Amino acid sequence: WIGVVISFVLLVAVMIPGVGIEVNGSRRW
C-alpha cells in the first residue's frame, strides 16, 4: 500500500510544472 500511494502521489506530482522535469517535450521525471 505504501508503494501504491507513493506511486500515485509521485505520478500526479510529475504533472505539476516546476516539480516534474520536462525533457524533450515530455514530463516524466
PDB file of all heavy atoms in Angstrom:
ATOM      1  N   TRP A   1       0.821  -1.212   0.000  1.00  0.00           N
ATOM      2  CA  TRP A   1       0.000   0.000   0.000  1.00  0.00           C
ATOM      3  C   TRP A   1       0.854   1.260   0.000  1.00  0.00           C
ATOM      4  O   TRP A   1       0.488   2.267  -0.601  1.00  0.00           O
ATOM      5  CB  TRP A   1      -0.983  -0.015   1.167  1.00  0.00           C
ATOM      6  CG  TRP A   1      -0.317   0.016   2.503  1.00  0.00           C
ATOM      7  CD1 TRP A   1       0.150  -1.043   3.240  1.00  0.00           C
ATOM      8  CD2 TRP A   1      -0.012   1.179   3.268  1.00  0.00           C
ATOM      9  NE1 TRP A   1       0.720  -0.609   4.402  1.00  0.00           N
ATOM     10  CE2 TRP A   1       0.624   0.757   4.448  1.00  0.00           C
ATOM     11  CE3 TRP A   1      -0.222   2.534   3.072  1.00  0.00           C
ATOM     12  CZ2 TRP A   1       1.068   1.641   5.417  1.00  0.00           C
ATOM     13  CZ3 TRP A   1       0.212   3.423   4.048  1.00  0.00           C
ATOM     14  CH2 TRP A   1       0.847   2.965   5.205  1.00  0.00           C
ATOM     15  N   ILE A   2       2.009   1.214   0.644  1.00  0.00           N
ATOM     16  CA  ILE A   2       2.906   2.367   0.642  1.00  0.00           C
ATOM     17  C   ILE A   2       3.383   2.639  -0.788  1.00  0.00           C
ATOM     18  O   ILE A   2       3.390   3.779  -1.240  1.00  0.00           O
ATOM     19  CB  ILE A   2       4.107   2.132   1.587  1.00  0.00           C
ATOM     20  CG1 ILE A   2       3.623   2.043   3.033  1.00  0.00           C
ATOM     21  CG2 ILE A   2       5.141   3.240   1.440  1.00  0.00           C
ATOM     22  CD1 ILE A   2       4.701   1.606   4.009  1.00  0.00           C
ATOM     23  N   GLY A   3       3.764   1.586  -1.494  1.00  0.00           N
ATOM     24  CA  GLY A   3       4.217   1.743  -2.878  1.00  0.00           C
ATOM     25  C   GLY A   3       3.138   2.295  -3.786  1.00  0.00           C
ATOM     26  O   GLY A   3       3.404   3.159  -4.626  1.00  0.00           O
ATOM     27  N   VAL A   4       1.905   1.805  -3.618  1.00  0.00           N
ATOM     28  CA  VAL A   4       0.800   2.275  -4.459  1.00  0.00           C
ATOM     29  C   VAL A   4       0.500   3.749  -4.170  1.00  0.00           C
ATOM     30  O   VAL A   4       0.370   4.562  -5.095  1.00  0.00           O
ATOM     31  CB  VAL A   4      -0.461   1.400  -4.260  1.00  0.00           C
ATOM     32  CG1 VAL A   4      -1.668   2.020  -4.942  1.00  0.00           C
ATOM     33  CG2 VAL A   4      -0.217  -0.003  -4.789  1.00  0.00           C
ATOM     34  N   VAL A   5       0.432   4.122  -2.908  1.00  0.00           N
ATOM     35  CA  VAL A   5       0.123   5.513  -2.544  1.00  0.00           C
ATOM     36  C   VAL A   5       1.235   6.452  -3.015  1.00  0.00           C
ATOM     37  O   VAL A   5       0.966   7.488  -3.640  1.00  0.00           O
ATOM     38  CB  VAL A   5      -0.098   5.647  -1.018  1.00  0.00           C
ATOM     39  CG1 VAL A   5      -0.157   7.105  -0.584  1.00  0.00           C
ATOM     40  CG2 VAL A   5      -1.365   4.923  -0.600  1.00  0.00           C
ATOM     41  N   ILE A   6       2.486   6.087  -2.751  1.00  0.00           N
ATOM     42  CA  ILE A   6       3.607   6.936  -3.175  1.00  0.00           C
ATOM     43  C   ILE A   6       3.640   7.039  -4.699  1.00  0.00           C
ATOM     44  O   ILE A   6       3.894   8.113  -5.250  1.00  0.00           O
ATOM     45  CB  ILE A   6       4.943   6.408  -2.613  1.00  0.00           C
ATOM     46  CG1 ILE A   6       4.980   6.629  -1.100  1.00  0.00           C
ATOM     47  CG2 ILE A   6       6.127   7.086  -3.280  1.00  0.00           C
ATOM     48  CD1 ILE A   6       6.179   6.008  -0.407  1.00  0.00           C
ATOM     49  N   SER A   7       3.358   5.943  -5.389  1.00  0.00           N
ATOM     50  CA  SER A   7       3.336   5.972  -6.858  1.00  0.00           C
ATOM     51  C   SER A   7       2.279   6.945  -7.364  1.00  0.00           C
ATOM     52  O   SER A   7       2.543   7.761  -8.264  1.00  0.00           O
ATOM     53  CB  SER A   7       3.069   4.579  -7.423  1.00  0.00           C
ATOM     54  OG  SER A   7       4.128   3.724  -7.143  1.00  0.00           O
ATOM     55  N   PHE A   8       1.068   6.861  -6.815  1.00  0.00           N
ATOM     56  CA  PHE A   8       0.003   7.788  -7.225  1.00  0.00           C
ATOM     57  C   PHE A   8       0.423   9.234  -6.983  1.00  0.00           C
ATOM     58  O   PHE A   8       0.282  10.083  -7.858  1.00  0.00           O
ATOM     59  CB  PHE A   8      -1.306   7.502  -6.471  1.00  0.00           C
ATOM     60  CG  PHE A   8      -2.202   6.521  -7.154  1.00  0.00           C
ATOM     61  CD1 PHE A   8      -2.455   5.286  -6.583  1.00  0.00           C
ATOM     62  CD2 PHE A   8      -2.812   6.824  -8.357  1.00  0.00           C
ATOM     63  CE1 PHE A   8      -3.282   4.369  -7.194  1.00  0.00           C
ATOM     64  CE2 PHE A   8      -3.650   5.913  -8.987  1.00  0.00           C
ATOM     65  CZ  PHE A   8      -3.880   4.680  -8.402  1.00  0.00           C
ATOM     66  N   VAL A   9       0.951   9.521  -5.803  1.00  0.00           N
ATOM     67  CA  VAL A   9       1.343  10.892  -5.459  1.00  0.00           C
ATOM     68  C   VAL A   9       2.438  11.396  -6.405  1.00  0.00           C
ATOM     69  O   VAL A   9       2.352  12.507  -6.930  1.00  0.00           O
ATOM     70  CB  VAL A   9       1.806  10.972  -3.980  1.00  0.00           C
ATOM     71  CG1 VAL A   9       2.466  12.306  -3.672  1.00  0.00           C
ATOM     72  CG2 VAL A   9       0.629  10.728  -3.046  1.00  0.00           C
ATOM     73  N   LEU A  10       3.471  10.569  -6.631  1.00  0.00           N
ATOM     74  CA  LEU A  10       4.571  11.000  -7.499  1.00  0.00           C
ATOM     75  C   LEU A  10       4.138  11.141  -8.954  1.00  0.00           C
ATOM     76  O   LEU A  10       4.591  12.055  -9.652  1.00  0.00           O
ATOM     77  CB  LEU A  10       5.745  10.027  -7.385  1.00  0.00           C
ATOM     78  CG  LEU A  10       6.499  10.040  -6.058  1.00  0.00           C
ATOM     79  CD1 LEU A  10       7.582   8.975  -6.049  1.00  0.00           C
ATOM     80  CD2 LEU A  10       7.087  11.420  -5.771  1.00  0.00           C
ATOM     81  N   LEU A  11       3.256  10.256  -9.413  1.00  0.00           N
ATOM     82  CA  LEU A  11       2.783  10.357 -10.798  1.00  0.00           C
ATOM     83  C   LEU A  11       1.937  11.607 -11.010  1.00  0.00           C
ATOM     84  O   LEU A  11       1.952  12.198 -12.092  1.00  0.00           O
ATOM     85  CB  LEU A  11       2.010   9.098 -11.196  1.00  0.00           C
ATOM     86  CG  LEU A  11       2.879   7.859 -11.408  1.00  0.00           C
ATOM     87  CD1 LEU A  11       2.009   6.603 -11.499  1.00  0.00           C
ATOM     88  CD2 LEU A  11       3.756   7.999 -12.633  1.00  0.00           C
ATOM     89  N   VAL A  12       1.215  12.032  -9.988  1.00  0.00           N
ATOM     90  CA  VAL A  12       0.462  13.295 -10.080  1.00  0.00           C
ATOM     91  C   VAL A  12       1.436  14.471  -9.971  1.00  0.00           C
ATOM     92  O   VAL A  12       1.318  15.452 -10.708  1.00  0.00           O
ATOM     93  CB  VAL A  12      -0.623  13.357  -8.986  1.00  0.00           C
ATOM     94  CG1 VAL A  12      -1.228  14.747  -8.896  1.00  0.00           C
ATOM     95  CG2 VAL A  12      -1.709  12.324  -9.260  1.00  0.00           C
ATOM     96  N   ALA A  13       2.429  14.365  -9.086  1.00  0.00           N
ATOM     97  CA  ALA A  13       3.401  15.445  -8.906  1.00  0.00           C
ATOM     98  C   ALA A  13       4.199  15.721 -10.174  1.00  0.00           C
ATOM     99  O   ALA A  13       4.568  16.871 -10.437  1.00  0.00           O
ATOM    100  CB  ALA A  13       4.347  15.110  -7.751  1.00  0.00           C
ATOM    101  N   VAL A  14       4.452  14.697 -10.960  1.00  0.00           N
ATOM    102  CA  VAL A  14       5.204  14.864 -12.206  1.00  0.00           C
ATOM    103  C   VAL A  14       4.497  15.848 -13.133  1.00  0.00           C
ATOM    104  O   VAL A  14       5.138  16.590 -13.874  1.00  0.00           O
ATOM    105  CB  VAL A  14       5.386  13.493 -12.910  1.00  0.00           C
ATOM    106  CG1 VAL A  14       5.769  13.658 -14.361  1.00  0.00           C
ATOM    107  CG2 VAL A  14       6.444  12.683 -12.204  1.00  0.00           C
ATOM    108  N   MET A  15       3.179  15.878 -13.085  1.00  0.00           N
ATOM    109  CA  MET A  15       2.410  16.739 -13.988  1.00  0.00           C
ATOM    110  C   MET A  15       2.411  18.208 -13.563  1.00  0.00           C
ATOM    111  O   MET A  15       2.015  19.076 -14.335  1.00  0.00           O
ATOM    112  CB  MET A  15       0.974  16.234 -14.072  1.00  0.00           C
ATOM    113  CG  MET A  15       0.863  14.887 -14.745  1.00  0.00           C
ATOM    114  SD  MET A  15      -0.827  14.378 -14.899  1.00  0.00           S
ATOM    115  CE  MET A  15      -0.915  13.167 -13.598  1.00  0.00           C
ATOM    116  N   ILE A  16       2.865  18.488 -12.357  1.00  0.00           N
ATOM    117  CA  ILE A  16       2.870  19.861 -11.844  1.00  0.00           C
ATOM    118  C   ILE A  16       4.103  20.590 -12.375  1.00  0.00           C
ATOM    119  O   ILE A  16       5.229  20.158 -12.122  1.00  0.00           O
ATOM    120  CB  ILE A  16       2.874  19.869 -10.300  1.00  0.00           C
ATOM    121  CG1 ILE A  16       1.630  19.161  -9.766  1.00  0.00           C
ATOM    122  CG2 ILE A  16       2.968  21.301  -9.764  1.00  0.00           C
ATOM    123  CD1 ILE A  16       1.648  18.920  -8.275  1.00  0.00           C
ATOM    124  N   PRO A  17       3.894  21.693 -13.124  1.00  0.00           N
ATOM    125  CA  PRO A  17       5.044  22.453 -13.618  1.00  0.00           C
ATOM    126  C   PRO A  17       5.904  22.937 -12.445  1.00  0.00           C
ATOM    127  O   PRO A  17       5.398  23.391 -11.428  1.00  0.00           O
ATOM    128  CB  PRO A  17       4.411  23.637 -14.359  1.00  0.00           C
ATOM    129  CG  PRO A  17       3.035  23.161 -14.701  1.00  0.00           C
ATOM    130  CD  PRO A  17       2.631  22.249 -13.576  1.00  0.00           C
ATOM    131  N   GLY A  18       7.194  22.800 -12.600  1.00  0.00           N
ATOM    132  CA  GLY A  18       8.110  23.181 -11.535  1.00  0.00           C
ATOM    133  C   GLY A  18       8.513  22.002 -10.663  1.00  0.00           C
ATOM    134  O   GLY A  18       9.561  22.011 -10.041  1.00  0.00           O
ATOM    135  N   VAL A  19       7.675  20.985 -10.618  1.00  0.00           N
ATOM    136  CA  VAL A  19       8.001  19.768  -9.860  1.00  0.00           C
ATOM    137  C   VAL A  19       8.493  18.711 -10.836  1.00  0.00           C
ATOM    138  O   VAL A  19       9.567  18.138 -10.662  1.00  0.00           O
ATOM    139  CB  VAL A  19       6.783  19.244  -9.061  1.00  0.00           C
ATOM    140  CG1 VAL A  19       7.121  17.938  -8.359  1.00  0.00           C
ATOM    141  CG2 VAL A  19       6.326  20.281  -8.050  1.00  0.00           C
ATOM    142  N   GLY A  20       7.685  18.451 -11.859  1.00  0.00           N
ATOM    143  CA  GLY A  20       8.089  17.488 -12.885  1.00  0.00           C
ATOM    144  C   GLY A  20       9.110  18.109 -13.823  1.00  0.00           C
ATOM    145  O   GLY A  20       9.006  19.279 -14.184  1.00  0.00           O
ATOM    146  N   ILE A  21      10.100  17.332 -14.193  1.00  0.00           N
ATOM    147  CA  ILE A  21      11.156  17.817 -15.080  1.00  0.00           C
ATOM    148  C   ILE A  21      10.806  17.414 -16.514  1.00  0.00           C
ATOM    149  O   ILE A  21      10.557  16.248 -16.788  1.00  0.00           O
ATOM    150  CB  ILE A  21      12.522  17.222 -14.678  1.00  0.00           C
ATOM    151  CG1 ILE A  21      12.875  17.656 -13.263  1.00  0.00           C
ATOM    152  CG2 ILE A  21      13.596  17.634 -15.668  1.00  0.00           C
ATOM    153  CD1 ILE A  21      14.087  16.962 -12.698  1.00  0.00           C
ATOM    154  N   GLU A  22      10.810  18.415 -17.386  1.00  0.00           N
ATOM    155  CA  GLU A  22      10.478  18.166 -18.788  1.00  0.00           C
ATOM    156  C   GLU A  22      11.756  17.978 -19.600  1.00  0.00           C
ATOM    157  O   GLU A  22      12.672  18.788 -19.533  1.00  0.00           O
ATOM    158  CB  GLU A  22       9.666  19.325 -19.354  1.00  0.00           C
ATOM    159  CG  GLU A  22       9.156  19.065 -20.746  1.00  0.00           C
ATOM    160  CD  GLU A  22       8.213  20.150 -21.220  1.00  0.00           C
ATOM    161  OE1 GLU A  22       7.526  20.758 -20.381  1.00  0.00           O
ATOM    162  OE2 GLU A  22       8.179  20.379 -22.436  1.00  0.00           O
ATOM    163  N   VAL A  23      11.798  16.878 -20.332  1.00  0.00           N
ATOM    164  CA  VAL A  23      12.934  16.588 -21.211  1.00  0.00           C
ATOM    165  C   VAL A  23      12.366  16.181 -22.567  1.00  0.00           C
ATOM    166  O   VAL A  23      11.522  15.293 -22.644  1.00  0.00           O
ATOM    167  CB  VAL A  23      13.812  15.447 -20.642  1.00  0.00           C
ATOM    168  CG1 VAL A  23      14.924  15.087 -21.605  1.00  0.00           C
ATOM    169  CG2 VAL A  23      14.380  15.835 -19.284  1.00  0.00           C
ATOM    170  N   ASN A  24      12.819  16.843 -23.616  1.00  0.00           N
ATOM    171  CA  ASN A  24      12.362  16.566 -24.978  1.00  0.00           C
ATOM    172  C   ASN A  24      10.849  16.607 -25.106  1.00  0.00           C
ATOM    173  O   ASN A  24      10.237  15.770 -25.764  1.00  0.00           O
ATOM    174  CB  ASN A  24      12.899  15.219 -25.469  1.00  0.00           C
ATOM    175  CG  ASN A  24      14.404  15.202 -25.587  1.00  0.00           C
ATOM    176  OD1 ASN A  24      15.003  16.234 -25.853  1.00  0.00           O
ATOM    177  ND2 ASN A  24      15.004  14.052 -25.365  1.00  0.00           N
ATOM    178  N   GLY A  25      10.215  17.557 -24.443  1.00  0.00           N
ATOM    179  CA  GLY A  25       8.781  17.748 -24.552  1.00  0.00           C
ATOM    180  C   GLY A  25       7.932  16.810 -23.717  1.00  0.00           C
ATOM    181  O   GLY A  25       6.718  16.823 -23.803  1.00  0.00           O
ATOM    182  N   SER A  26       8.561  15.993 -22.898  1.00  0.00           N
ATOM    183  CA  SER A  26       7.816  15.045 -22.079  1.00  0.00           C
ATOM    184  C   SER A  26       8.185  15.222 -20.609  1.00  0.00           C
ATOM    185  O   SER A  26       9.351  15.296 -20.253  1.00  0.00           O
ATOM    186  CB  SER A  26       8.141  13.617 -22.526  1.00  0.00           C
ATOM    187  OG  SER A  26       7.350  12.707 -21.839  1.00  0.00           O
ATOM    188  N   ARG A  27       7.170  15.284 -19.767  1.00  0.00           N
ATOM    189  CA  ARG A  27       7.381  15.496 -18.339  1.00  0.00           C
ATOM    190  C   ARG A  27       7.217  14.149 -17.623  1.00  0.00           C
ATOM    191  O   ARG A  27       6.109  13.727 -17.310  1.00  0.00           O
ATOM    192  CB  ARG A  27       6.360  16.504 -17.832  1.00  0.00           C
ATOM    193  CG  ARG A  27       6.616  17.013 -16.450  1.00  0.00           C
ATOM    194  CD  ARG A  27       5.544  17.991 -16.017  1.00  0.00           C
ATOM    195  NE  ARG A  27       5.305  19.055 -16.972  1.00  0.00           N
ATOM    196  CZ  ARG A  27       5.934  20.227 -16.967  1.00  0.00           C
ATOM    197  NH1 ARG A  27       6.836  20.483 -16.070  1.00  0.00           N
ATOM    198  NH2 ARG A  27       5.646  21.142 -17.866  1.00  0.00           N
ATOM    199  N   ARG A  28       8.337  13.465 -17.370  1.00  0.00           N
ATOM    200  CA  ARG A  28       8.305  12.126 -16.784  1.00  0.00           C
ATOM    201  C   ARG A  28       9.146  11.982 -15.531  1.00  0.00           C
ATOM    202  O   ARG A  28       9.112  10.951 -14.885  1.00  0.00           O
ATOM    203  CB  ARG A  28       8.838  11.097 -17.782  1.00  0.00           C
ATOM    204  CG  ARG A  28       8.059  10.981 -19.042  1.00  0.00           C
ATOM    205  CD  ARG A  28       8.680   9.939 -19.930  1.00  0.00           C
ATOM    206  NE  ARG A  28       8.068   9.979 -21.236  1.00  0.00           N
ATOM    207  CZ  ARG A  28       8.539   9.361 -22.294  1.00  0.00           C
ATOM    208  NH1 ARG A  28       9.627   8.648 -22.205  1.00  0.00           N
ATOM    209  NH2 ARG A  28       7.922   9.453 -23.453  1.00  0.00           N
ATOM    210  N   TRP A  29       9.935  12.966 -15.193  1.00  0.00           N
ATOM    211  CA  TRP A  29      10.913  12.815 -14.127  1.00  0.00           C
ATOM    212  C   TRP A  29      10.665  13.778 -12.984  1.00  0.00           C
ATOM    213  O   TRP A  29      10.103  14.847 -13.148  1.00  0.00           O
ATOM    214  CB  TRP A  29      12.323  13.057 -14.662  1.00  0.00           C
ATOM    215  CG  TRP A  29      12.757  12.038 -15.653  1.00  0.00           C
ATOM    216  CD1 TRP A  29      13.423  10.881 -15.402  1.00  0.00           C
ATOM    217  CD2 TRP A  29      12.532  12.061 -17.060  1.00  0.00           C
ATOM    218  NE1 TRP A  29      13.628  10.182 -16.566  1.00  0.00           N
ATOM    219  CE2 TRP A  29      13.102  10.892 -17.602  1.00  0.00           C
ATOM    220  CE3 TRP A  29      11.920  12.952 -17.916  1.00  0.00           C
ATOM    221  CZ2 TRP A  29      13.066  10.600 -18.950  1.00  0.00           C
ATOM    222  CZ3 TRP A  29      11.881  12.667 -19.263  1.00  0.00           C
ATOM    223  CH2 TRP A  29      12.443  11.498 -19.768  1.00  0.00           C
TER     224      TRP A  29
END
